[in-house]
Amino acid sequence: MTAARQRTPQEKKQLSYAKDRRNNYGENDKSSRTSIRTRKRTPNRANRLHAQQSLRHAAGPVDQDRADDAEQRLHRKRPRRWRKWPDLALGAHVEGSLHRRGRLDQAAAPRIDVALDRLSRRRKPPPQGKNAIRA
């Protein structure tokens, strides 16, 4: 096994902009730990409740018409679901922040244009082939 070569600070910065993530949903990133659980739990609970209410009509003596009606009622409504969204890459987050800052503060626009130009140079994709950066 060969020893991994040491990365330059510029390579580390490129990797950081590409791989580090920032929460752009608008909430505290720490609260995501609990809110993800809650958001996954809520639709499942609603789906179970809907299934119970729909099938409650078929309870009692066996009646094929009531059973068919209850099954149709069960499948009439689309089940609820929730999906996670990935956080934004650090480079895209910084770029968006700079654009917003430039829109809000016209006096700082020239400085922000320079910062955006510097950011775009730093966000270049890492070299491919023989000099490729290994993650």
Protein backbone atom coordinates (compact mmCIF):
# COMPACT_ATOMS: atom_id res chain seq x y z
CA MET A 1 0.00 0.00 0.00
CA THR A 2 1.45 3.33 -1.04
CA ALA A 3 1.28 6.41 1.12
CA ALA A 4 -1.25 9.01 -0.01
CA ARG A 5 0.33 12.20 -1.21
CA GLN A 6 -0.34 15.33 0.76
CA ARG A 7 -2.83 17.75 -0.80
CA THR A 8 -2.03 21.39 -1.37
CA PRO A 9 -4.23 24.02 0.30
CA GLN A 10 -5.71 24.86 -3.12
CA GLU A 11 -6.73 21.23 -3.69
CA LYS A 12 -8.23 21.08 -0.20
CA LYS A 13 -10.25 24.23 -0.94
CA GLN A 14 -11.57 22.78 -4.22
CA LEU A 15 -12.58 19.57 -2.48
CA SER A 16 -14.23 21.54 0.32
CA TYR A 17 -16.31 23.61 -2.13
CA ALA A 18 -17.35 20.45 -3.99
CA LYS A 19 -18.03 18.04 -1.11
CA ASP A 20 -18.98 20.07 1.97
CA ARG A 21 -22.71 20.71 2.35
CA ARG A 22 -24.81 23.52 3.81
CA ASN A 23 -28.45 23.40 4.86
CA ASN A 24 -30.44 25.59 2.48
CA TYR A 25 -33.92 24.58 3.58
CA GLY A 26 -34.22 27.58 5.86
CA GLU A 27 -34.09 25.88 9.22
CA ASN A 28 -31.36 25.25 11.74
CA ASP A 29 -29.23 22.34 10.56
CA LYS A 30 -29.30 20.79 14.04
CA SER A 31 -33.10 20.74 14.09
CA SER A 32 -33.09 18.62 10.93
CA ARG A 33 -32.20 15.62 13.06
CA THR A 34 -35.57 15.72 14.78
CA SER A 35 -37.66 17.22 12.00
CA ILE A 36 -36.66 14.50 9.52
CA ARG A 37 -38.00 11.87 11.90
CA THR A 38 -41.20 13.85 12.39
CA ARG A 39 -41.73 14.42 8.68
CA LYS A 40 -41.22 10.74 7.92
CA ARG A 41 -43.57 9.73 10.71
CA THR A 42 -46.48 12.06 9.92
CA PRO A 43 -47.43 10.80 6.43
CA ASN A 44 -47.15 7.17 7.56
CA ARG A 45 -49.47 7.88 10.46
CA ALA A 46 -51.95 9.60 8.14
CA ASN A 47 -51.84 6.64 5.72
CA ARG A 48 -52.51 4.17 8.53
CA LEU A 49 -55.43 6.26 9.78
CA HIS A 50 -56.92 6.46 6.29
CA ALA A 51 -56.60 2.68 5.87
CA GLN A 52 -58.28 2.05 9.24
CA GLN A 53 -61.14 4.40 8.47
CA SER A 54 -61.66 2.94 5.00
CA LEU A 55 -61.62 -0.66 6.18
CA ARG A 56 -63.86 0.03 9.17
CA HIS A 57 -66.84 0.05 6.78
CA ALA A 58 -66.13 -3.59 5.86
CA ALA A 59 -66.26 -4.82 9.48
CA GLY A 60 -68.98 -7.21 10.54
CA PRO A 61 -70.55 -10.11 8.68
CA VAL A 62 -69.01 -11.03 5.33
CA ASP A 63 -70.59 -9.00 2.55
CA GLN A 64 -68.80 -8.90 -0.80
CA ASP A 65 -70.34 -5.56 -1.85
CA ARG A 66 -69.25 -3.80 1.35
CA ALA A 67 -65.77 -5.32 1.05
CA ASP A 68 -65.41 -4.12 -2.55
CA ASP A 69 -66.68 -0.67 -1.61
CA ALA A 70 -64.20 -0.45 1.28
CA GLU A 71 -61.32 -1.54 -0.97
CA GLN A 72 -62.24 1.05 -3.60
CA ARG A 73 -62.43 3.71 -0.89
CA LEU A 74 -59.00 2.63 0.35
CA HIS A 75 -57.35 2.93 -3.07
CA ARG A 76 -59.17 6.09 -4.10
CA LYS A 77 -56.82 8.42 -2.21
CA ARG A 78 -53.14 8.52 -3.09
CA PRO A 79 -50.89 7.70 -0.09
CA ARG A 80 -49.00 10.60 1.42
CA ARG A 81 -45.23 10.60 1.31
CA TRP A 82 -42.27 12.77 2.19
CA ARG A 83 -38.79 12.81 0.70
CA LYS A 84 -35.56 14.28 1.94
CA TRP A 85 -33.73 16.81 -0.21
CA PRO A 86 -29.94 16.89 -0.27
CA ASP A 87 -28.21 19.90 1.19
CA LEU A 88 -26.50 22.37 -1.11
CA ALA A 89 -22.79 22.10 -1.95
CA LEU A 90 -20.70 24.69 -0.11
CA GLY A 91 -19.52 26.33 -3.36
CA ALA A 92 -23.07 26.83 -4.60
CA HIS A 93 -24.13 28.11 -1.17
CA VAL A 94 -21.32 30.70 -1.05
CA GLU A 95 -22.06 31.77 -4.62
CA GLY A 96 -25.75 32.28 -3.82
CA SER A 97 -24.88 34.26 -0.69
CA LEU A 98 -22.57 36.54 -2.68
CA HIS A 99 -25.22 37.12 -5.37
CA ARG A 100 -27.78 38.00 -2.69
CA ARG A 101 -25.34 40.32 -0.95
CA GLY A 102 -24.60 42.08 -4.26
CA ARG A 103 -28.31 42.58 -4.94
CA LEU A 104 -28.95 44.03 -1.49
CA ASP A 105 -25.88 46.30 -1.25
CA GLN A 106 -25.20 48.09 -4.54
CA ALA A 107 -22.17 49.90 -3.07
CA ALA A 108 -20.44 46.56 -2.45
CA ALA A 109 -21.20 45.20 -5.95
CA PRO A 110 -17.67 45.70 -7.37
CA ARG A 111 -16.08 43.87 -4.44
CA ILE A 112 -18.61 41.08 -4.74
CA ASP A 113 -17.95 40.71 -8.48
CA VAL A 114 -14.28 40.18 -7.66
CA ALA A 115 -15.19 37.64 -5.00
CA LEU A 116 -17.49 35.77 -7.42
CA ASP A 117 -14.74 35.67 -10.03
CA ARG A 118 -12.28 34.30 -7.46
CA LEU A 119 -14.86 31.74 -6.33
CA SER A 120 -15.47 30.52 -9.88
CA ARG A 121 -11.70 30.01 -10.35
CA ARG A 122 -11.50 28.06 -7.09
CA ARG A 123 -14.49 25.91 -7.97
CA LYS A 124 -12.91 24.55 -11.13
CA PRO A 125 -13.26 20.78 -11.30
CA PRO A 126 -10.26 18.89 -9.96
CA PRO A 127 -7.83 17.62 -12.60
CA GLN A 128 -8.53 14.24 -14.19
CA GLY A 129 -6.13 11.49 -15.15
CA LYS A 130 -2.65 11.13 -13.74
CA ASN A 131 -2.92 14.14 -11.40
CA ALA A 132 -6.45 13.34 -10.21
CA ILE A 133 -7.35 14.18 -6.64
CA ARG A 134 -8.51 11.13 -4.74
CA ALA A 135 -11.33 11.66 -2.32
